């Protein structure tokens, strides 16, 4: 292989590594920039569909996005439910929309080696639609739910492939209302309920 070709291959490989966590510290702003890049690319997560049913009335619809590192891990494992470990730099994003498809918030999970080994090194983040941070880092409320799918490295498959029972859902969101569409999914897909 000639020197020019080696440089080209190296540049292509580096282009897939998010700059925000290649050298600089991870911050809410750096994660938000990567979220925005996925939004601009309409980087729909494999196995997901735009405006799928969400579980709450405040996120009646959701859109799941993922970066190249995440997609490669899923492809190598044979799908989201078979993926048992995501690589450093894997980023998953959930855009939340109300019944009128107006965005209400954005949540993200970033795999960051060495961040929090006890919780699989996931940095959790939540933002308003315009990028104001509402949570960042080791967010216990997020982790305590995602641990239910520990074998899948804390990553839920999109509905209707994995669902939370009404009892579990109410334990995590006691002050919120469950979407009637999600209740219908529970009745239609009882085998998809995470146990």
C-alpha atoms as a PDB file:
ATOM      1  CA  UNK A   1       0.000   0.000   0.000  1.00  0.00           C
ATOM      2  CA  UNK A   2       1.450   3.369  -0.918  1.00  0.00           C
ATOM      3  CA  UNK A   3       1.867   6.228   1.573  1.00  0.00           C
ATOM      4  CA  UNK A   4      -0.959   8.307   0.103  1.00  0.00           C
ATOM      5  CA  UNK A   5      -3.401   5.433   0.425  1.00  0.00           C
ATOM      6  CA  UNK A   6      -2.358   4.799   4.063  1.00  0.00           C
ATOM      7  CA  UNK A   7      -2.993   8.454   4.926  1.00  0.00           C
ATOM      8  CA  UNK A   8      -6.405   8.325   3.203  1.00  0.00           C
ATOM      9  CA  UNK A   9      -7.411   5.184   5.126  1.00  0.00           C
ATOM     10  CA  UNK A  10      -6.229   6.739   8.402  1.00  0.00           C
ATOM     11  CA  UNK A  11      -8.254   9.891   7.727  1.00  0.00           C
ATOM     12  CA  UNK A  12     -11.366   7.840   6.947  1.00  0.00           C
ATOM     13  CA  UNK A  13     -10.986   5.809  10.134  1.00  0.00           C
ATOM     14  CA  UNK A  14     -10.428   8.930  12.263  1.00  0.00           C
ATOM     15  CA  UNK A  15     -13.476  10.599  10.681  1.00  0.00           C
ATOM     16  CA  UNK A  16     -15.679   7.997  12.383  1.00  0.00           C
ATOM     17  CA  UNK A  17     -14.270   8.730  15.852  1.00  0.00           C
ATOM     18  CA  UNK A  18     -16.189  11.632  17.378  1.00  0.00           C
ATOM     19  CA  UNK A  19     -13.759  14.489  17.890  1.00  0.00           C
ATOM     20  CA  UNK A  20     -15.496  15.495  21.116  1.00  0.00           C
ATOM     21  CA  UNK A  21     -14.139  12.476  22.999  1.00  0.00           C
ATOM     22  CA  UNK A  22     -11.003  11.660  21.020  1.00  0.00           C
ATOM     23  CA  UNK A  23      -8.821  14.081  22.980  1.00  0.00           C
ATOM     24  CA  UNK A  24     -10.868  16.754  24.757  1.00  0.00           C
ATOM     25  CA  UNK A  25     -12.826  16.193  27.986  1.00  0.00           C
ATOM     26  CA  UNK A  26     -16.423  15.129  27.544  1.00  0.00           C
ATOM     27  CA  UNK A  27     -18.810  17.910  28.496  1.00  0.00           C
ATOM     28  CA  UNK A  28     -22.548  18.459  28.101  1.00  0.00           C
ATOM     29  CA  UNK A  29     -21.727  20.836  25.227  1.00  0.00           C
ATOM     30  CA  UNK A  30     -19.498  18.334  23.407  1.00  0.00           C
ATOM     31  CA  UNK A  31     -22.154  15.615  23.643  1.00  0.00           C
ATOM     32  CA  UNK A  32     -24.812  18.095  22.460  1.00  0.00           C
ATOM     33  CA  UNK A  33     -22.712  18.897  19.379  1.00  0.00           C
ATOM     34  CA  UNK A  34     -22.600  15.184  18.514  1.00  0.00           C
ATOM     35  CA  UNK A  35     -26.352  14.886  19.122  1.00  0.00           C
ATOM     36  CA  UNK A  36     -26.926  17.758  16.706  1.00  0.00           C
ATOM     37  CA  UNK A  37     -24.709  16.084  14.102  1.00  0.00           C
ATOM     38  CA  UNK A  38     -26.833  12.919  14.308  1.00  0.00           C
ATOM     39  CA  UNK A  39     -30.002  15.019  14.047  1.00  0.00           C
ATOM     40  CA  UNK A  40     -28.714  16.780  10.917  1.00  0.00           C
ATOM     41  CA  UNK A  41     -27.820  13.401   9.375  1.00  0.00           C
ATOM     42  CA  UNK A  42     -31.205  11.883  10.304  1.00  0.00           C
ATOM     43  CA  UNK A  43     -29.121   8.987  11.659  1.00  0.00           C
ATOM     44  CA  UNK A  44     -32.028   6.703  12.552  1.00  0.00           C
ATOM     45  CA  UNK A  45     -30.887   3.790  14.699  1.00  0.00           C
ATOM     46  CA  UNK A  46     -31.060   0.386  12.959  1.00  0.00           C
ATOM     47  CA  UNK A  47     -34.285  -1.385  13.897  1.00  0.00           C
ATOM     48  CA  UNK A  48     -35.962   1.881  14.838  1.00  0.00           C
ATOM     49  CA  UNK A  49     -38.531   3.920  12.961  1.00  0.00           C
ATOM     50  CA  UNK A  50     -39.196   7.661  12.955  1.00  0.00           C
ATOM     51  CA  UNK A  51     -42.001   8.694  15.301  1.00  0.00           C
ATOM     52  CA  UNK A  52     -42.436   5.330  16.990  1.00  0.00           C
ATOM     53  CA  UNK A  53     -44.624   5.173  20.084  1.00  0.00           C
ATOM     54  CA  UNK A  54     -43.183   6.591  23.288  1.00  0.00           C
ATOM     55  CA  UNK A  55     -44.309   5.561  26.753  1.00  0.00           C
ATOM     56  CA  UNK A  56     -45.411   8.887  28.244  1.00  0.00           C
ATOM     57  CA  UNK A  57     -47.861  11.535  27.155  1.00  0.00           C
ATOM     58  CA  UNK A  58     -44.930  13.995  27.114  1.00  0.00           C
ATOM     59  CA  UNK A  59     -43.026  11.712  24.736  1.00  0.00           C
ATOM     60  CA  UNK A  60     -45.943  10.318  22.792  1.00  0.00           C
ATOM     61  CA  UNK A  61     -43.551   9.745  19.879  1.00  0.00           C
ATOM     62  CA  UNK A  62     -39.816   9.108  19.867  1.00  0.00           C
ATOM     63  CA  UNK A  63     -37.043   9.001  17.290  1.00  0.00           C
ATOM     64  CA  UNK A  64     -33.932   6.947  18.057  1.00  0.00           C
ATOM     65  CA  UNK A  65     -30.601   8.006  16.549  1.00  0.00           C
ATOM     66  CA  UNK A  66     -27.193   6.335  16.709  1.00  0.00           C
ATOM     67  CA  UNK A  67     -23.649   6.943  15.528  1.00  0.00           C
ATOM     68  CA  UNK A  68     -21.385   4.745  13.406  1.00  0.00           C
ATOM     69  CA  UNK A  69     -19.718   3.047  16.408  1.00  0.00           C
ATOM     70  CA  UNK A  70     -23.127   2.002  17.741  1.00  0.00           C
ATOM     71  CA  UNK A  71     -24.304   0.797  14.335  1.00  0.00           C
ATOM     72  CA  UNK A  72     -21.174  -1.304  13.805  1.00  0.00           C
ATOM     73  CA  UNK A  73     -21.600  -2.978  17.208  1.00  0.00           C
ATOM     74  CA  UNK A  74     -25.233  -3.817  16.423  1.00  0.00           C
ATOM     75  CA  UNK A  75     -24.370  -5.147  12.962  1.00  0.00           C
ATOM     76  CA  UNK A  76     -21.536  -7.319  14.315  1.00  0.00           C
ATOM     77  CA  UNK A  77     -23.802  -8.806  17.013  1.00  0.00           C
ATOM     78  CA  UNK A  78     -26.782  -9.360  14.742  1.00  0.00           C
ATOM     79  CA  UNK A  79     -29.067  -6.611  16.066  1.00  0.00           C
ATOM     80  CA  UNK A  80     -29.779  -4.438  19.063  1.00  0.00           C
ATOM     81  CA  UNK A  81     -31.081  -7.209  21.336  1.00  0.00           C
ATOM     82  CA  UNK A  82     -28.002  -9.345  20.629  1.00  0.00           C
ATOM     83  CA  UNK A  83     -25.478  -6.567  21.306  1.00  0.00           C
ATOM     84  CA  UNK A  84     -23.885  -7.223  24.686  1.00  0.00           C
ATOM     85  CA  UNK A  85     -21.149  -4.580  24.652  1.00  0.00           C
ATOM     86  CA  UNK A  86     -20.884  -1.237  22.904  1.00  0.00           C
ATOM     87  CA  UNK A  87     -17.482   0.291  22.128  1.00  0.00           C
ATOM     88  CA  UNK A  88     -16.002   3.483  23.476  1.00  0.00           C
ATOM     89  CA  UNK A  89     -17.617   6.404  21.644  1.00  0.00           C
ATOM     90  CA  UNK A  90     -20.954   4.656  20.999  1.00  0.00           C
ATOM     91  CA  UNK A  91     -23.728   7.261  21.152  1.00  0.00           C
ATOM     92  CA  UNK A  92     -27.468   6.620  21.290  1.00  0.00           C
ATOM     93  CA  UNK A  93     -29.995   9.443  21.229  1.00  0.00           C
ATOM     94  CA  UNK A  94     -33.741   9.560  21.850  1.00  0.00           C
ATOM     95  CA  UNK A  95     -35.674  12.562  20.601  1.00  0.00           C
ATOM     96  CA  UNK A  96     -38.992  12.945  22.432  1.00  0.00           C
ATOM     97  CA  UNK A  97     -42.105  14.469  20.857  1.00  0.00           C
ATOM     98  CA  UNK A  98     -45.579  15.288  22.135  1.00  0.00           C
ATOM     99  CA  UNK A  99     -48.815  14.197  20.451  1.00  0.00           C
ATOM    100  CA  UNK A 100     -48.505  17.065  17.935  1.00  0.00           C
ATOM    101  CA  UNK A 101     -44.948  15.932  17.049  1.00  0.00           C
ATOM    102  CA  UNK A 102     -43.409  18.977  18.714  1.00  0.00           C
ATOM    103  CA  UNK A 103     -40.043  18.106  20.269  1.00  0.00           C
ATOM    104  CA  UNK A 104     -40.144  18.085  24.079  1.00  0.00           C
ATOM    105  CA  UNK A 105     -36.635  16.905  24.950  1.00  0.00           C
ATOM    106  CA  UNK A 106     -33.604  14.853  24.007  1.00  0.00           C
ATOM    107  CA  UNK A 107     -31.807  12.142  25.967  1.00  0.00           C
ATOM    108  CA  UNK A 108     -28.483  10.529  25.129  1.00  0.00           C
ATOM    109  CA  UNK A 109     -26.163   7.749  26.251  1.00  0.00           C
ATOM    110  CA  UNK A 110     -22.442   7.954  25.473  1.00  0.00           C
ATOM    111  CA  UNK A 111     -20.073   5.040  26.146  1.00  0.00           C
ATOM    112  CA  UNK A 112     -16.917   6.527  27.660  1.00  0.00           C
ATOM    113  CA  UNK A 113     -14.216   4.076  28.747  1.00  0.00           C
ATOM    114  CA  UNK A 114     -13.231   4.666  32.365  1.00  0.00           C
ATOM    115  CA  UNK A 115     -16.226   6.879  33.202  1.00  0.00           C
ATOM    116  CA  UNK A 116     -18.159   4.554  35.511  1.00  0.00           C
ATOM    117  CA  UNK A 117     -17.238   0.871  35.241  1.00  0.00           C
ATOM    118  CA  UNK A 118     -19.934  -0.177  37.729  1.00  0.00           C
ATOM    119  CA  UNK A 119     -22.591   1.130  35.334  1.00  0.00           C
ATOM    120  CA  UNK A 120     -20.943   0.006  32.082  1.00  0.00           C
ATOM    121  CA  UNK A 121     -19.230   3.386  31.453  1.00  0.00           C
ATOM    122  CA  UNK A 122     -22.354   5.144  30.158  1.00  0.00           C
ATOM    123  CA  UNK A 123     -22.552   8.921  30.426  1.00  0.00           C
ATOM    124  CA  UNK A 124     -26.244   9.829  30.568  1.00  0.00           C
ATOM    125  CA  UNK A 125     -27.457  13.198  29.325  1.00  0.00           C
ATOM    126  CA  UNK A 126     -30.738  15.018  28.906  1.00  0.00           C
ATOM    127  CA  UNK A 127     -31.460  18.297  27.161  1.00  0.00           C
ATOM    128  CA  UNK A 128     -34.276  20.636  26.277  1.00  0.00           C
ATOM    129  CA  UNK A 129     -34.998  20.759  22.518  1.00  0.00           C
ATOM    130  CA  UNK A 130     -32.706  23.776  22.162  1.00  0.00           C
ATOM    131  CA  UNK A 131     -29.790  22.133  23.988  1.00  0.00           C
ATOM    132  CA  UNK A 132     -30.021  23.356  27.574  1.00  0.00           C
ATOM    133  CA  UNK A 133     -28.717  20.653  29.900  1.00  0.00           C
ATOM    134  CA  UNK A 134     -31.239  19.111  32.305  1.00  0.00           C
ATOM    135  CA  UNK A 135     -29.030  16.225  33.440  1.00  0.00           C
ATOM    136  CA  UNK A 136     -25.531  14.938  32.736  1.00  0.00           C
ATOM    137  CA  UNK A 137     -23.175  12.249  33.961  1.00  0.00           C
ATOM    138  CA  UNK A 138     -24.069   9.427  36.313  1.00  0.00           C
ATOM    139  CA  UNK A 139     -27.834   9.886  36.529  1.00  0.00           C
ATOM    140  CA  UNK A 140     -29.154   7.265  38.940  1.00  0.00           C
ATOM    141  CA  UNK A 141     -32.763   7.486  37.722  1.00  0.00           C
ATOM    142  CA  UNK A 142     -31.632   6.622  34.169  1.00  0.00           C
ATOM    143  CA  UNK A 143     -29.240   3.889  35.254  1.00  0.00           C
ATOM    144  CA  UNK A 144     -31.736   2.217  37.601  1.00  0.00           C
ATOM    145  CA  UNK A 145     -34.101   1.723  34.657  1.00  0.00           C
ATOM    146  CA  UNK A 146     -31.501   0.793  32.036  1.00  0.00           C
ATOM    147  CA  UNK A 147     -29.988  -1.839  34.336  1.00  0.00           C
ATOM    148  CA  UNK A 148     -33.099  -3.890  33.553  1.00  0.00           C
ATOM    149  CA  UNK A 149     -31.455  -4.702  30.212  1.00  0.00           C
ATOM    150  CA  UNK A 150     -27.975  -5.326  31.608  1.00  0.00           C
ATOM    151  CA  UNK A 151     -27.314  -8.209  29.177  1.00  0.00           C
ATOM    152  CA  UNK A 152     -27.826  -5.765  26.298  1.00  0.00           C
ATOM    153  CA  UNK A 153     -25.300  -3.327  27.835  1.00  0.00           C
ATOM    154  CA  UNK A 154     -28.092  -1.127  29.250  1.00  0.00           C
ATOM    155  CA  UNK A 155     -29.662  -0.451  25.832  1.00  0.00           C
ATOM    156  CA  UNK A 156     -33.387  -1.020  25.292  1.00  0.00           C
ATOM    157  CA  UNK A 157     -34.679  -2.114  21.908  1.00  0.00           C
ATOM    158  CA  UNK A 158     -37.275   0.255  20.434  1.00  0.00           C
ATOM    159  CA  UNK A 159     -40.957  -0.451  21.059  1.00  0.00           C
ATOM    160  CA  UNK A 160     -42.670  -2.753  20.523  1.00  0.00           C
ATOM    161  CA  UNK A 161     -39.661  -5.107  20.786  1.00  0.00           C
ATOM    162  CA  UNK A 162     -39.054  -4.266  24.466  1.00  0.00           C
ATOM    163  CA  UNK A 163     -41.591  -2.695  26.789  1.00  0.00           C
ATOM    164  CA  UNK A 164     -41.831  -1.848  30.483  1.00  0.00           C
ATOM    165  CA  UNK A 165     -44.781  -3.254  32.406  1.00  0.00           C
ATOM    166  CA  UNK A 166     -47.264  -0.721  33.744  1.00  0.00           C
ATOM    167  CA  UNK A 167     -46.149  -1.388  37.341  1.00  0.00           C
ATOM    168  CA  UNK A 168     -42.464  -0.847  36.545  1.00  0.00           C
ATOM    169  CA  UNK A 169     -43.252   2.146  34.361  1.00  0.00           C
ATOM    170  CA  UNK A 170     -45.289   3.807  37.160  1.00  0.00           C
ATOM    171  CA  UNK A 171     -42.437   3.193  39.624  1.00  0.00           C
ATOM    172  CA  UNK A 172     -40.050   5.177  37.387  1.00  0.00           C
ATOM    173  CA  UNK A 173     -42.497   7.892  36.299  1.00  0.00           C
ATOM    174  CA  UNK A 174     -44.974   8.283  39.201  1.00  0.00           C
ATOM    175  CA  UNK A 175     -45.876  11.894  38.409  1.00  0.00           C
ATOM    176  CA  UNK A 176     -46.440  11.363  34.682  1.00  0.00           C
ATOM    177  CA  UNK A 177     -49.176   9.863  32.555  1.00  0.00           C
ATOM    178  CA  UNK A 178     -48.660   6.778  30.423  1.00  0.00           C
ATOM    179  CA  UNK A 179     -49.439   7.114  26.738  1.00  0.00           C
ATOM    180  CA  UNK A 180     -52.601   5.225  25.692  1.00  0.00           C
ATOM    181  CA  UNK A 181     -50.686   4.017  22.613  1.00  0.00           C
ATOM    182  CA  UNK A 182     -48.051   2.440  24.888  1.00  0.00           C
ATOM    183  CA  UNK A 183     -50.757   0.738  26.963  1.00  0.00           C
ATOM    184  CA  UNK A 184     -52.124  -0.700  23.705  1.00  0.00           C
ATOM    185  CA  UNK A 185     -48.630  -1.979  22.821  1.00  0.00           C
ATOM    186  CA  UNK A 186     -48.422  -3.745  26.191  1.00  0.00           C
ATOM    187  CA  UNK A 187     -51.685  -5.546  25.487  1.00  0.00           C
ATOM    188  CA  UNK A 188     -50.707  -6.419  21.928  1.00  0.00           C
ATOM    189  CA  UNK A 189     -47.123  -7.546  22.741  1.00  0.00           C
ATOM    190  CA  UNK A 190     -47.105  -9.101  26.246  1.00  0.00           C
ATOM    191  CA  UNK A 191     -44.021 -11.215  25.435  1.00  0.00           C
ATOM    192  CA  UNK A 192     -42.021  -8.034  24.791  1.00  0.00           C
ATOM    193  CA  UNK A 193     -42.373  -6.869  28.406  1.00  0.00           C
ATOM    194  CA  UNK A 194     -38.956  -6.782  30.097  1.00  0.00           C
ATOM    195  CA  UNK A 195     -38.911  -9.036  33.138  1.00  0.00           C
END
